[in-house]
N, C-alpha and C. Protein backbone atom coordinates (compact mmCIF):
# COMPACT_ATOMS: atom_id res chain seq x y z
N UNK A 1 57.67 86.16 53.01
CA UNK A 1 57.68 84.66 52.74
C UNK A 1 57.66 84.48 51.29
N UNK A 2 58.32 83.72 50.75
CA UNK A 2 58.45 83.31 49.13
C UNK A 2 57.92 81.83 49.09
N UNK A 3 56.81 81.51 48.40
CA UNK A 3 56.33 80.32 48.07
C UNK A 3 56.56 79.92 46.73
N UNK A 4 57.30 78.94 46.34
CA UNK A 4 57.48 78.69 44.93
C UNK A 4 56.68 77.45 44.40
N UNK A 5 55.98 77.53 43.36
CA UNK A 5 55.07 76.47 42.76
C UNK A 5 55.75 76.06 41.62
N UNK A 6 56.23 74.77 41.51
CA UNK A 6 56.54 74.10 40.22
C UNK A 6 55.42 73.12 39.59
N UNK A 7 54.93 73.58 38.31
CA UNK A 7 53.96 72.98 37.81
C UNK A 7 54.33 72.24 36.55
N UNK A 8 53.39 71.33 35.89
CA UNK A 8 53.83 70.69 34.62
C UNK A 8 53.79 71.64 33.52
N UNK A 9 54.27 71.16 32.31
CA UNK A 9 54.18 72.10 31.08
C UNK A 9 55.67 72.49 30.93
N UNK A 10 55.84 73.22 29.93
CA UNK A 10 57.17 73.84 29.78
C UNK A 10 57.61 74.86 30.80
N UNK A 11 58.91 74.84 31.18
CA UNK A 11 59.41 75.78 32.10
C UNK A 11 60.78 76.28 31.67
N UNK A 12 61.15 77.52 32.32
CA UNK A 12 62.61 77.78 32.00
C UNK A 12 63.56 76.85 32.57
N UNK A 13 64.75 76.76 31.90
CA UNK A 13 65.90 75.69 32.26
C UNK A 13 66.42 76.58 33.66
N UNK A 14 67.09 75.68 34.42
CA UNK A 14 67.64 76.30 35.61
C UNK A 14 68.57 77.45 35.41
N UNK A 15 69.33 77.18 34.26
CA UNK A 15 70.30 78.17 33.92
C UNK A 15 69.75 79.42 33.48
N UNK A 16 68.50 79.42 32.76
CA UNK A 16 67.96 80.49 32.26
C UNK A 16 67.34 81.40 33.50
N UNK A 17 66.78 80.57 34.55
CA UNK A 17 66.19 81.29 35.71
C UNK A 17 67.20 81.47 36.71
N UNK A 18 68.43 81.13 36.42
CA UNK A 18 69.35 81.38 37.68
C UNK A 18 69.45 82.84 38.08
N UNK A 19 69.57 83.72 37.46
CA UNK A 19 69.48 85.21 38.00
C UNK A 19 68.44 85.55 38.81
N UNK A 20 67.26 84.98 38.49
CA UNK A 20 66.08 85.23 39.25
C UNK A 20 66.25 84.65 40.56
N UNK A 21 66.63 83.32 40.58
CA UNK A 21 66.77 82.64 41.79
C UNK A 21 67.85 83.05 42.81
N UNK A 22 68.88 83.77 42.17
CA UNK A 22 69.93 84.28 43.03
C UNK A 22 69.43 85.42 43.85
N UNK A 23 68.33 86.08 43.47
CA UNK A 23 67.87 87.28 44.13
C UNK A 23 66.63 86.85 44.95
N UNK A 24 66.05 85.64 44.68
CA UNK A 24 64.86 85.46 45.41
C UNK A 24 64.85 83.85 45.75
N UNK A 25 64.92 83.66 47.00
CA UNK A 25 65.12 82.29 47.44
C UNK A 25 63.80 81.83 48.01
N UNK A 26 63.45 80.47 47.88
CA UNK A 26 62.22 79.92 48.36
C UNK A 26 62.22 79.71 49.84
N UNK A 27 61.12 80.01 50.59
CA UNK A 27 60.91 79.49 51.83
C UNK A 27 60.02 78.26 51.93
N UNK A 28 59.24 78.14 51.03
CA UNK A 28 58.24 76.83 50.97
C UNK A 28 58.17 76.48 49.39
N UNK A 29 58.29 75.18 49.18
CA UNK A 29 58.15 74.77 47.74
C UNK A 29 57.15 73.67 47.56
N UNK A 30 56.19 73.99 46.46
CA UNK A 30 55.14 73.06 46.27
C UNK A 30 55.46 72.55 44.82
N UNK A 31 55.34 71.12 44.73
CA UNK A 31 55.42 70.60 43.47
C UNK A 31 54.01 70.01 42.98
N UNK A 32 53.47 70.49 41.80
CA UNK A 32 52.02 70.15 41.44
C UNK A 32 52.24 69.01 40.38
N UNK A 33 51.98 67.74 40.69
CA UNK A 33 51.94 66.60 39.70
C UNK A 33 53.34 66.71 39.00
N UNK A 34 53.39 66.68 37.66
CA UNK A 34 54.59 66.51 36.84
C UNK A 34 55.65 67.69 37.15
N UNK A 35 55.10 68.83 37.77
CA UNK A 35 56.03 69.71 38.17
C UNK A 35 57.08 69.32 38.99
N UNK A 36 56.77 68.08 39.76
CA UNK A 36 58.08 67.55 40.43
C UNK A 36 59.24 67.14 39.71
N UNK A 37 59.12 66.72 38.35
CA UNK A 37 60.20 66.53 37.44
C UNK A 37 60.92 67.81 37.26
N UNK A 38 60.21 68.91 36.89
CA UNK A 38 60.85 70.19 36.79
C UNK A 38 61.72 70.57 38.13
N UNK A 39 60.96 70.43 39.21
CA UNK A 39 61.55 70.89 40.51
C UNK A 39 62.92 69.93 40.81
N UNK A 40 62.85 68.63 40.29
CA UNK A 40 64.00 67.96 40.59
C UNK A 40 65.09 68.42 39.83
N UNK A 41 65.04 69.05 38.62
CA UNK A 41 66.08 69.61 37.79
C UNK A 41 66.77 70.81 38.67
N UNK A 42 65.81 71.52 39.21
CA UNK A 42 66.37 72.77 39.86
C UNK A 42 66.92 72.32 41.14
N UNK A 43 66.48 71.33 41.90
CA UNK A 43 67.18 70.72 43.02
C UNK A 43 68.47 70.34 42.79
N UNK A 44 68.77 69.66 41.76
CA UNK A 44 70.13 69.17 41.24
C UNK A 44 70.97 70.36 41.00
N UNK A 45 70.44 71.52 40.37
CA UNK A 45 71.03 72.77 39.98
C UNK A 45 71.41 73.64 41.27
N UNK A 46 70.58 73.67 42.03
CA UNK A 46 70.65 74.74 43.12
C UNK A 46 70.69 74.12 44.61
N UNK A 47 70.55 72.89 44.72
CA UNK A 47 70.51 72.37 45.97
C UNK A 47 69.27 72.20 46.79
N UNK A 48 69.46 71.93 48.09
CA UNK A 48 68.38 71.42 48.88
C UNK A 48 67.18 72.46 49.16
N UNK A 49 67.59 73.79 48.83
CA UNK A 49 66.66 74.80 49.05
C UNK A 49 65.43 74.53 48.19
N UNK A 50 65.48 73.79 47.10
CA UNK A 50 64.56 73.41 46.09
C UNK A 50 64.03 72.07 46.32
N UNK A 51 64.15 71.49 47.58
CA UNK A 51 63.60 70.31 47.88
C UNK A 51 62.10 70.54 48.15
N UNK A 52 61.03 69.77 47.80
CA UNK A 52 59.70 69.99 47.88
C UNK A 52 59.21 70.08 49.36
N UNK A 53 58.50 70.77 49.80
CA UNK A 53 57.78 70.62 51.20
C UNK A 53 56.46 70.00 50.97
N UNK A 54 55.93 70.30 49.87
CA UNK A 54 54.57 69.60 49.67
C UNK A 54 54.39 69.17 47.97
N UNK A 55 53.85 67.95 47.82
CA UNK A 55 53.64 67.53 46.70
C UNK A 55 52.25 67.22 46.52
N UNK A 56 51.51 67.77 45.41
CA UNK A 56 50.09 67.61 45.44
C UNK A 56 49.63 67.29 44.04
N UNK A 57 48.46 66.79 43.88
CA UNK A 57 47.82 66.61 42.48
C UNK A 57 47.33 65.32 42.35
N UNK A 58 46.91 64.93 41.08
CA UNK A 58 46.46 63.53 40.78
C UNK A 58 47.33 62.61 40.23
N UNK A 59 48.40 63.09 40.03
CA UNK A 59 49.84 62.41 39.65
C UNK A 59 49.44 61.64 38.28
N UNK A 60 48.58 62.21 37.43
CA UNK A 60 48.26 61.55 36.24
C UNK A 60 49.25 61.79 35.15
N UNK A 61 49.98 62.71 35.19
CA UNK A 61 51.17 63.05 34.28
C UNK A 61 52.39 63.07 34.68
N UNK A 62 52.73 62.70 36.04
CA UNK A 62 54.08 62.46 36.60
C UNK A 62 54.66 61.08 35.75
N UNK A 63 55.66 61.22 35.07
CA UNK A 63 56.32 59.98 34.56
C UNK A 63 57.33 59.28 35.24
N UNK A 64 57.97 60.09 35.98
CA UNK A 64 59.07 59.44 36.92
C UNK A 64 58.55 59.30 38.32
N UNK A 65 57.94 58.37 38.43
CA UNK A 65 57.39 57.96 39.82
C UNK A 65 58.33 57.78 40.80
N UNK A 66 59.61 57.33 40.50
CA UNK A 66 60.54 57.25 41.50
C UNK A 66 60.92 58.49 42.25
N UNK A 67 60.40 59.60 41.69
CA UNK A 67 60.78 60.86 42.41
C UNK A 67 59.93 61.06 43.68
N UNK A 68 58.81 60.28 43.69
CA UNK A 68 57.98 60.34 44.92
C UNK A 68 58.63 59.62 46.05
N UNK A 69 59.50 58.70 45.76
CA UNK A 69 60.34 57.92 46.73
C UNK A 69 61.57 58.71 47.14
N UNK A 70 62.01 59.46 46.12
CA UNK A 70 63.30 60.20 46.30
C UNK A 70 62.84 61.41 47.21
N UNK A 71 61.58 61.90 47.26
CA UNK A 71 61.17 63.11 47.98
C UNK A 71 60.04 62.61 48.94
N UNK A 72 60.37 61.47 49.53
CA UNK A 72 59.47 60.76 50.51
C UNK A 72 59.03 61.51 51.83
N UNK A 73 60.08 62.50 52.12
CA UNK A 73 59.81 63.39 53.21
C UNK A 73 58.88 64.51 53.17
N UNK A 74 58.57 64.78 51.88
CA UNK A 74 57.62 65.78 51.60
C UNK A 74 56.21 65.50 51.92
N UNK A 75 55.41 66.50 52.40
CA UNK A 75 54.01 66.15 52.64
C UNK A 75 53.32 65.96 51.34
N UNK A 76 52.34 65.09 51.20
CA UNK A 76 51.51 64.85 50.07
C UNK A 76 50.10 64.96 50.30
N UNK A 77 49.41 65.51 49.31
CA UNK A 77 47.98 65.74 49.17
C UNK A 77 47.71 65.26 47.78
N UNK A 78 46.91 63.98 47.75
CA UNK A 78 46.57 63.47 46.52
C UNK A 78 45.15 63.68 46.20
N UNK A 79 44.72 63.91 44.91
CA UNK A 79 43.39 64.36 44.44
C UNK A 79 42.89 63.41 43.35
N UNK A 80 41.75 63.21 43.09
CA UNK A 80 41.23 62.47 41.98
C UNK A 80 41.43 62.97 40.64
N UNK A 81 41.57 62.44 39.69
CA UNK A 81 41.86 63.16 38.28
C UNK A 81 40.56 63.82 37.95
N UNK A 82 39.31 63.36 38.35
CA UNK A 82 38.10 63.83 38.00
C UNK A 82 37.67 65.06 39.23
N UNK A 83 38.09 66.20 38.86
CA UNK A 83 37.97 67.12 39.88
C UNK A 83 37.62 68.59 39.19
N UNK A 84 37.15 69.49 39.91
CA UNK A 84 36.74 70.86 39.46
C UNK A 84 37.82 71.83 39.13
N UNK A 85 39.14 71.61 39.68
CA UNK A 85 40.15 72.33 39.54
C UNK A 85 41.39 71.59 39.13
N UNK A 86 42.37 72.47 38.39
CA UNK A 86 43.59 71.87 37.77
C UNK A 86 44.59 71.63 39.02
N UNK A 87 45.62 70.79 38.85
CA UNK A 87 46.60 70.83 40.01
C UNK A 87 47.31 72.09 40.19
N UNK A 88 47.35 72.89 39.16
CA UNK A 88 48.10 74.06 39.27
C UNK A 88 47.26 75.10 40.20
N UNK A 89 45.82 75.21 39.90
CA UNK A 89 44.90 75.84 40.67
C UNK A 89 44.87 75.45 42.18
N UNK A 90 45.03 74.10 42.52
CA UNK A 90 44.92 73.74 43.65
C UNK A 90 46.25 74.13 44.46
N UNK A 91 47.37 74.07 43.69
CA UNK A 91 48.66 74.60 44.29
C UNK A 91 48.56 75.93 44.59
N UNK A 92 48.15 76.86 43.78
CA UNK A 92 48.01 78.16 43.92
C UNK A 92 47.02 78.66 45.13
N UNK A 93 46.13 77.79 45.16
CA UNK A 93 45.02 78.10 46.40
C UNK A 93 45.69 77.58 47.67
N UNK A 94 46.38 76.54 47.74
CA UNK A 94 47.15 76.11 48.98
C UNK A 94 48.23 76.97 49.31
N UNK A 95 48.91 77.53 48.45
CA UNK A 95 50.01 78.50 48.55
C UNK A 95 49.36 79.75 49.47
N UNK A 96 48.06 80.16 49.01
CA UNK A 96 47.50 81.39 49.72
C UNK A 96 47.02 81.04 50.96
N UNK A 97 46.61 79.76 51.24
CA UNK A 97 46.27 79.35 52.52
C UNK A 97 47.44 79.33 53.44
N UNK A 98 48.60 79.00 53.01
CA UNK A 98 49.76 78.99 53.80
C UNK A 98 50.35 80.34 54.22
N UNK A 99 50.39 81.21 53.16
CA UNK A 99 50.84 82.53 53.47
C UNK A 99 49.95 83.56 52.49
N UNK A 100 48.98 84.21 53.22
CA UNK A 100 48.10 85.04 52.62
C UNK A 100 48.82 86.40 52.07
N UNK A 101 49.91 86.66 52.62
CA UNK A 101 50.58 87.86 52.19
C UNK A 101 51.98 87.43 51.48
N UNK A 102 52.16 86.11 51.25
CA UNK A 102 53.39 85.68 50.70
C UNK A 102 53.53 86.02 49.36
N UNK A 103 54.81 86.05 48.72
CA UNK A 103 55.05 86.21 47.36
C UNK A 103 55.09 84.89 46.56
N UNK A 104 54.03 84.64 45.76
CA UNK A 104 53.91 83.29 45.07
C UNK A 104 54.62 83.48 43.83
N UNK A 105 55.33 82.49 43.44
CA UNK A 105 56.09 82.30 42.13
C UNK A 105 55.86 81.17 41.54
N UNK A 106 55.16 81.13 40.42
CA UNK A 106 54.73 79.91 39.55
C UNK A 106 55.84 79.61 38.47
N UNK A 107 56.30 78.45 38.56
CA UNK A 107 57.33 78.21 37.60
C UNK A 107 56.80 76.97 36.57
N UNK A 108 56.73 77.31 35.29
CA UNK A 108 56.23 76.25 34.37
C UNK A 108 54.63 76.57 33.91
N UNK A 109 54.28 75.79 33.19
CA UNK A 109 52.85 75.96 32.72
C UNK A 109 52.61 76.37 31.38
N UNK A 110 53.82 76.50 30.63
CA UNK A 110 53.77 76.86 29.24
C UNK A 110 53.44 75.50 28.40
N UNK A 111 52.87 75.53 27.12
CA UNK A 111 52.68 74.41 26.33
C UNK A 111 51.62 73.49 26.96
N UNK A 112 51.72 72.36 26.70
CA UNK A 112 50.77 71.18 27.25
C UNK A 112 49.43 71.41 26.95
N UNK A 113 48.64 70.94 27.90
CA UNK A 113 47.20 71.08 27.58
C UNK A 113 46.63 72.53 27.60
N UNK A 114 45.79 72.84 26.59
CA UNK A 114 45.24 74.20 26.49
C UNK A 114 44.41 74.48 27.52
N UNK A 115 43.71 73.56 28.25
CA UNK A 115 42.73 73.85 29.29
C UNK A 115 43.56 74.28 30.54
N UNK A 116 44.77 73.76 30.70
CA UNK A 116 45.73 74.03 31.94
C UNK A 116 46.11 75.43 31.75
N UNK A 117 46.56 75.86 30.51
CA UNK A 117 47.13 77.16 30.13
C UNK A 117 45.94 78.20 30.40
N UNK A 118 44.70 77.89 30.02
CA UNK A 118 43.68 78.81 30.28
C UNK A 118 43.42 78.87 31.77
N UNK A 119 43.46 77.77 32.53
CA UNK A 119 43.25 77.98 33.89
C UNK A 119 44.27 78.83 34.58
N UNK A 120 45.46 78.79 34.00
CA UNK A 120 46.43 79.66 34.74
C UNK A 120 46.15 81.16 34.41
N UNK A 121 45.84 81.45 33.23
CA UNK A 121 45.28 82.83 32.87
C UNK A 121 43.97 83.20 33.73
N UNK A 122 43.08 82.24 33.79
CA UNK A 122 41.97 82.52 34.59
C UNK A 122 42.22 82.66 36.03
N UNK A 123 43.38 82.17 36.71
CA UNK A 123 43.58 82.26 37.99
C UNK A 123 43.93 83.67 38.36
N UNK A 124 44.32 84.49 37.41
CA UNK A 124 44.66 85.86 37.81
C UNK A 124 43.49 86.79 37.98
N UNK A 125 42.26 86.19 37.82
CA UNK A 125 41.09 86.81 38.09
C UNK A 125 40.57 86.55 39.63
N UNK A 126 41.39 85.51 40.16
CA UNK A 126 41.12 85.09 41.60
C UNK A 126 42.09 85.69 42.62
N UNK A 127 41.65 85.48 43.70
CA UNK A 127 42.53 86.02 45.02
C UNK A 127 43.86 85.16 45.16
N UNK A 128 43.75 83.82 44.63
CA UNK A 128 44.97 83.05 44.85
C UNK A 128 45.91 83.01 43.67
N UNK A 129 45.86 84.15 42.94
CA UNK A 129 46.89 84.26 41.70
C UNK A 129 48.32 84.31 42.10
N UNK A 130 49.20 83.81 41.14
CA UNK A 130 50.58 84.09 41.35
C UNK A 130 51.00 85.56 41.19
N UNK A 131 52.01 85.84 41.94
CA UNK A 131 52.58 87.17 41.79
C UNK A 131 53.65 87.25 40.66
N UNK A 132 54.30 86.15 40.52
CA UNK A 132 55.22 86.06 39.28
C UNK A 132 54.99 84.72 38.57
N UNK A 133 54.95 84.75 37.31
CA UNK A 133 54.89 83.51 36.61
C UNK A 133 56.19 83.36 35.67
N UNK A 134 56.97 82.43 35.84
CA UNK A 134 58.13 82.19 35.10
C UNK A 134 57.88 81.25 33.88
N UNK A 135 57.70 81.72 32.71
CA UNK A 135 57.59 80.94 31.53
C UNK A 135 58.79 80.53 30.96
N UNK A 136 58.91 79.86 29.76
CA UNK A 136 60.20 79.40 29.22
C UNK A 136 61.15 80.51 29.02
N UNK A 137 60.82 81.54 28.40
CA UNK A 137 61.80 82.65 28.18
C UNK A 137 61.34 84.20 28.85
N UNK A 138 60.15 84.05 29.35
CA UNK A 138 59.78 85.23 30.05
C UNK A 138 59.20 85.19 31.44
N UNK A 139 59.19 86.32 32.06
CA UNK A 139 58.74 86.48 33.38
C UNK A 139 57.50 87.25 33.34
N UNK A 140 56.43 86.94 33.96
CA UNK A 140 55.20 87.82 33.93
C UNK A 140 54.81 88.17 35.28
N UNK A 141 54.85 89.53 35.69
CA UNK A 141 54.70 90.06 36.76
C UNK A 141 53.35 90.52 37.01
N UNK A 142 52.49 90.37 37.89
CA UNK A 142 51.16 90.75 38.22
C UNK A 142 51.24 92.06 38.94
N UNK A 143 50.55 92.96 38.48
CA UNK A 143 50.53 94.37 39.06
C UNK A 143 49.15 94.63 39.47
N UNK A 144 48.90 94.67 40.67
CA UNK A 144 47.43 94.96 41.33
C UNK A 144 47.32 96.52 41.23
N UNK A 145 46.08 96.82 40.80
CA UNK A 145 45.72 98.30 40.48
C UNK A 145 44.30 98.55 40.61
N UNK A 146 43.70 98.41 42.04
CA UNK A 146 42.43 98.71 42.24
C UNK A 146 41.58 97.72 41.34
N UNK A 147 40.76 98.33 40.53
CA UNK A 147 39.84 97.49 39.80
C UNK A 147 40.46 97.05 38.32
N UNK A 148 41.78 97.39 38.16
CA UNK A 148 42.28 96.95 36.90
C UNK A 148 43.35 96.05 37.17
N UNK A 149 43.65 95.13 36.45
CA UNK A 149 44.78 94.35 36.58
C UNK A 149 45.79 94.22 35.45
N UNK A 150 47.07 94.35 35.70
CA UNK A 150 48.02 94.53 34.67
C UNK A 150 49.05 93.63 34.88
N UNK A 151 49.86 93.48 33.67
CA UNK A 151 51.05 92.54 33.82
C UNK A 151 52.14 93.28 33.11
N UNK A 152 53.36 92.91 33.75
CA UNK A 152 54.66 93.46 33.24
C UNK A 152 55.31 92.23 32.74
N UNK A 153 55.62 92.05 31.45
CA UNK A 153 56.23 90.91 30.67
C UNK A 153 57.55 91.37 30.40
N UNK A 154 58.72 90.46 30.85
CA UNK A 154 60.03 90.65 30.75
C UNK A 154 60.63 89.54 30.05
N UNK A 155 61.73 89.83 29.35
CA UNK A 155 62.39 88.50 28.81
C UNK A 155 63.28 88.20 29.90
N UNK A 156 63.36 86.89 30.19
CA UNK A 156 64.28 86.38 31.22
C UNK A 156 65.74 86.50 30.86
N UNK A 157 66.02 86.74 29.52
CA UNK A 157 67.46 86.95 29.04
C UNK A 157 67.99 88.20 29.22
N UNK A 158 67.11 89.30 29.33
CA UNK A 158 67.49 90.49 29.54
C UNK A 158 67.18 91.21 30.69
N UNK A 159 66.26 90.48 31.53
CA UNK A 159 65.55 91.41 32.71
C UNK A 159 66.57 91.74 33.74
N UNK A 160 67.51 90.66 33.99
CA UNK A 160 68.54 90.94 34.97
C UNK A 160 69.90 91.84 34.44
N UNK A 161 69.75 92.35 33.38
CA UNK A 161 70.65 93.34 32.94
C UNK A 161 70.23 94.54 32.92
N UNK A 162 68.93 94.71 33.48
CA UNK A 162 68.24 95.88 33.44
C UNK A 162 67.82 96.51 32.13
N UNK A 163 67.59 95.70 31.24
CA UNK A 163 67.17 96.20 29.94
C UNK A 163 66.01 95.19 29.69
N UNK A 164 64.97 95.24 30.66
CA UNK A 164 63.81 94.51 30.32
C UNK A 164 62.93 95.19 29.43
N UNK A 165 62.00 94.30 28.78
CA UNK A 165 61.08 95.00 27.80
C UNK A 165 60.00 95.26 28.60
N UNK A 166 59.63 96.56 28.59
CA UNK A 166 58.88 97.30 29.54
C UNK A 166 57.49 97.35 28.77
N UNK A 167 56.87 96.09 28.82
CA UNK A 167 55.70 95.84 28.12
C UNK A 167 54.63 95.71 29.14
N UNK A 168 53.64 96.68 29.15
CA UNK A 168 52.60 96.50 30.27
C UNK A 168 51.19 96.19 29.34
N UNK A 169 50.61 95.13 29.76
CA UNK A 169 49.32 94.73 28.97
C UNK A 169 48.24 94.84 30.04
N UNK A 170 47.16 95.46 29.65
CA UNK A 170 46.01 95.63 30.30
C UNK A 170 45.01 94.44 29.73
N UNK A 171 44.80 93.37 30.45
CA UNK A 171 44.09 92.35 30.00
C UNK A 171 42.63 92.16 30.76
N UNK A 172 41.63 92.24 30.14
CA UNK A 172 40.31 92.20 30.88
C UNK A 172 40.25 90.60 31.30
N UNK A 173 39.99 90.44 32.61
CA UNK A 173 39.76 89.13 33.10
C UNK A 173 38.47 88.96 33.75
N UNK A 174 37.79 87.98 33.49
CA UNK A 174 36.41 87.68 33.96
C UNK A 174 36.52 86.46 34.74
N UNK A 175 35.71 86.69 36.00
CA UNK A 175 35.61 85.35 36.89
C UNK A 175 34.76 84.40 36.20
N UNK A 176 34.91 83.13 36.55
CA UNK A 176 33.98 82.16 35.96
C UNK A 176 32.43 82.53 35.98
N UNK A 177 32.02 82.96 37.19
CA UNK A 177 30.58 83.25 37.26
C UNK A 177 30.24 84.49 36.43
N UNK A 178 30.98 85.21 35.78
CA UNK A 178 30.67 86.19 34.82
C UNK A 178 30.45 85.78 33.41
N UNK A 179 30.93 84.42 33.19
CA UNK A 179 30.94 83.89 31.76
C UNK A 179 29.43 83.47 31.44
N UNK A 180 29.14 83.70 30.11
CA UNK A 180 27.87 83.19 29.82
C UNK A 180 28.35 82.26 28.41
N UNK A 181 27.48 81.32 28.19
CA UNK A 181 27.74 80.43 27.04
C UNK A 181 26.68 79.34 26.77
N UNK A 182 27.07 78.76 25.65
CA UNK A 182 25.92 77.80 25.11
C UNK A 182 26.55 76.31 24.85
N UNK A 183 26.08 75.33 25.46
CA UNK A 183 26.70 74.05 25.14
C UNK A 183 26.27 73.53 23.67
N UNK A 184 27.49 73.32 23.03
CA UNK A 184 27.42 72.91 21.64
C UNK A 184 27.51 71.43 21.34
N UNK A 185 28.11 70.71 22.29
CA UNK A 185 28.15 69.26 22.25
C UNK A 185 27.95 68.67 23.75
N UNK A 186 27.18 67.69 23.77
CA UNK A 186 27.08 67.01 25.07
C UNK A 186 27.60 65.67 25.09
N UNK A 187 29.03 65.86 25.51
CA UNK A 187 29.85 64.67 25.71
C UNK A 187 30.68 64.92 26.96
N UNK A 188 31.56 64.00 27.29
CA UNK A 188 32.40 64.17 28.53
C UNK A 188 33.16 65.53 28.42
N UNK A 189 33.86 65.57 27.33
CA UNK A 189 34.35 66.86 26.94
C UNK A 189 33.57 67.67 26.24
N UNK A 190 33.02 68.66 26.76
CA UNK A 190 31.96 69.60 26.07
C UNK A 190 32.50 70.79 25.49
N UNK A 191 31.92 71.00 24.44
CA UNK A 191 32.36 72.45 23.77
C UNK A 191 31.43 73.49 24.03
N UNK A 192 32.04 74.56 24.61
CA UNK A 192 31.06 75.70 24.93
C UNK A 192 31.50 76.75 23.94
N UNK A 193 30.55 77.45 23.76
CA UNK A 193 30.76 78.76 22.90
C UNK A 193 30.65 79.90 24.09
N UNK A 194 31.96 80.40 24.36
CA UNK A 194 31.91 81.35 25.53
C UNK A 194 31.86 82.83 25.05
N UNK A 195 31.00 83.55 25.50
CA UNK A 195 30.87 85.06 25.02
C UNK A 195 31.80 86.04 25.92
N UNK A 196 32.65 86.62 25.33
CA UNK A 196 33.47 87.63 26.06
C UNK A 196 32.93 88.97 25.57
N UNK A 197 33.21 90.15 26.04
CA UNK A 197 33.00 91.42 25.57
C UNK A 197 33.62 91.63 24.24
N UNK A 198 32.91 91.83 23.12
CA UNK A 198 33.39 92.23 21.85
C UNK A 198 34.02 91.12 21.17
N UNK A 199 34.14 89.84 21.76
CA UNK A 199 34.78 88.78 21.11
C UNK A 199 34.12 87.41 21.57
N UNK A 200 34.19 86.49 20.58
CA UNK A 200 33.55 85.16 20.97
C UNK A 200 34.72 84.20 20.78
N UNK A 201 34.88 83.41 21.63
CA UNK A 201 35.93 82.18 21.57
C UNK A 201 35.17 80.99 21.65
N UNK A 202 35.72 79.84 20.98
CA UNK A 202 35.07 78.65 21.20
C UNK A 202 36.13 77.76 21.74
N UNK A 203 36.03 77.28 22.81
CA UNK A 203 37.10 76.47 23.63
C UNK A 203 36.43 75.17 24.13
N UNK A 204 37.28 74.09 24.24
CA UNK A 204 36.91 72.86 24.64
C UNK A 204 37.29 72.72 26.22
N UNK A 205 36.19 72.43 27.00
CA UNK A 205 36.41 72.32 28.27
C UNK A 205 35.79 71.09 29.00
N UNK A 206 36.56 70.51 29.86
CA UNK A 206 35.89 69.25 30.45
C UNK A 206 34.82 69.68 31.38
N UNK A 207 33.99 68.89 31.38
CA UNK A 207 32.76 69.14 32.08
C UNK A 207 33.10 69.52 33.61
N UNK A 208 34.00 68.92 34.26
CA UNK A 208 34.29 68.96 35.64
C UNK A 208 35.18 70.27 35.77
N UNK A 209 35.72 70.74 34.59
CA UNK A 209 36.58 72.06 34.76
C UNK A 209 35.86 73.22 35.07
N UNK A 210 34.67 73.54 34.22
CA UNK A 210 33.78 74.53 34.35
C UNK A 210 32.47 73.90 34.63
N UNK A 211 31.85 73.84 35.87
CA UNK A 211 30.48 73.27 35.89
C UNK A 211 29.53 74.19 35.37
N UNK A 212 28.29 73.66 35.02
CA UNK A 212 27.41 74.44 34.39
C UNK A 212 26.86 75.41 35.06
N UNK A 213 26.75 75.33 36.52
CA UNK A 213 26.29 76.53 37.25
C UNK A 213 27.25 77.73 37.28
N UNK A 214 28.62 77.38 36.70
CA UNK A 214 29.53 78.62 36.69
C UNK A 214 29.30 79.38 35.35
N UNK A 215 28.65 78.63 34.45
CA UNK A 215 28.60 79.28 33.05
C UNK A 215 27.18 79.80 32.88
N UNK A 216 26.17 79.37 33.51
CA UNK A 216 24.70 80.01 33.20
C UNK A 216 23.98 80.49 34.35
């Protein structure tokens, strides 16, 4: 079973991703918030196979609200904007509930808000991660290997001519409960100094994105 998730942010054009979708067809399609706009472009290019089965999120970034009427037959799950998980994370978690052994393909998520990009990266440390992440010009494949997690990153322009860039990155991933940090500012958007092995990053995280109990 192939579950496709379309999320907000930058995504490959239908033309760029066409070789991938010629080989991999969706059995179930989820649109997360403004990912519905990206999905609509794919539906116009590839037909009804890309009509959403489920639309979820807080809909705070969906600009073309007429799409909700266009795809009114899709199931909807609405969430408040003030929540502990991003719409992409909710979509990934839902996909795993639908099919625990399904192949999950995430389309989009480049650019946009930094916290959303971080959450996608962070999701690869969770059980509900995507198997394939299609970015603007690259495809990221998750490779499970016991206690190590690796990624194969290929250029979408060359991948299907069998001249892929064989770049395998070993990236240390930490679950939220493994993070430690210090609150630097006490505001709605708090700044945490997050400590990782050998490196320290300073990132801005909304209070409801990582709760205090997850950091300390």
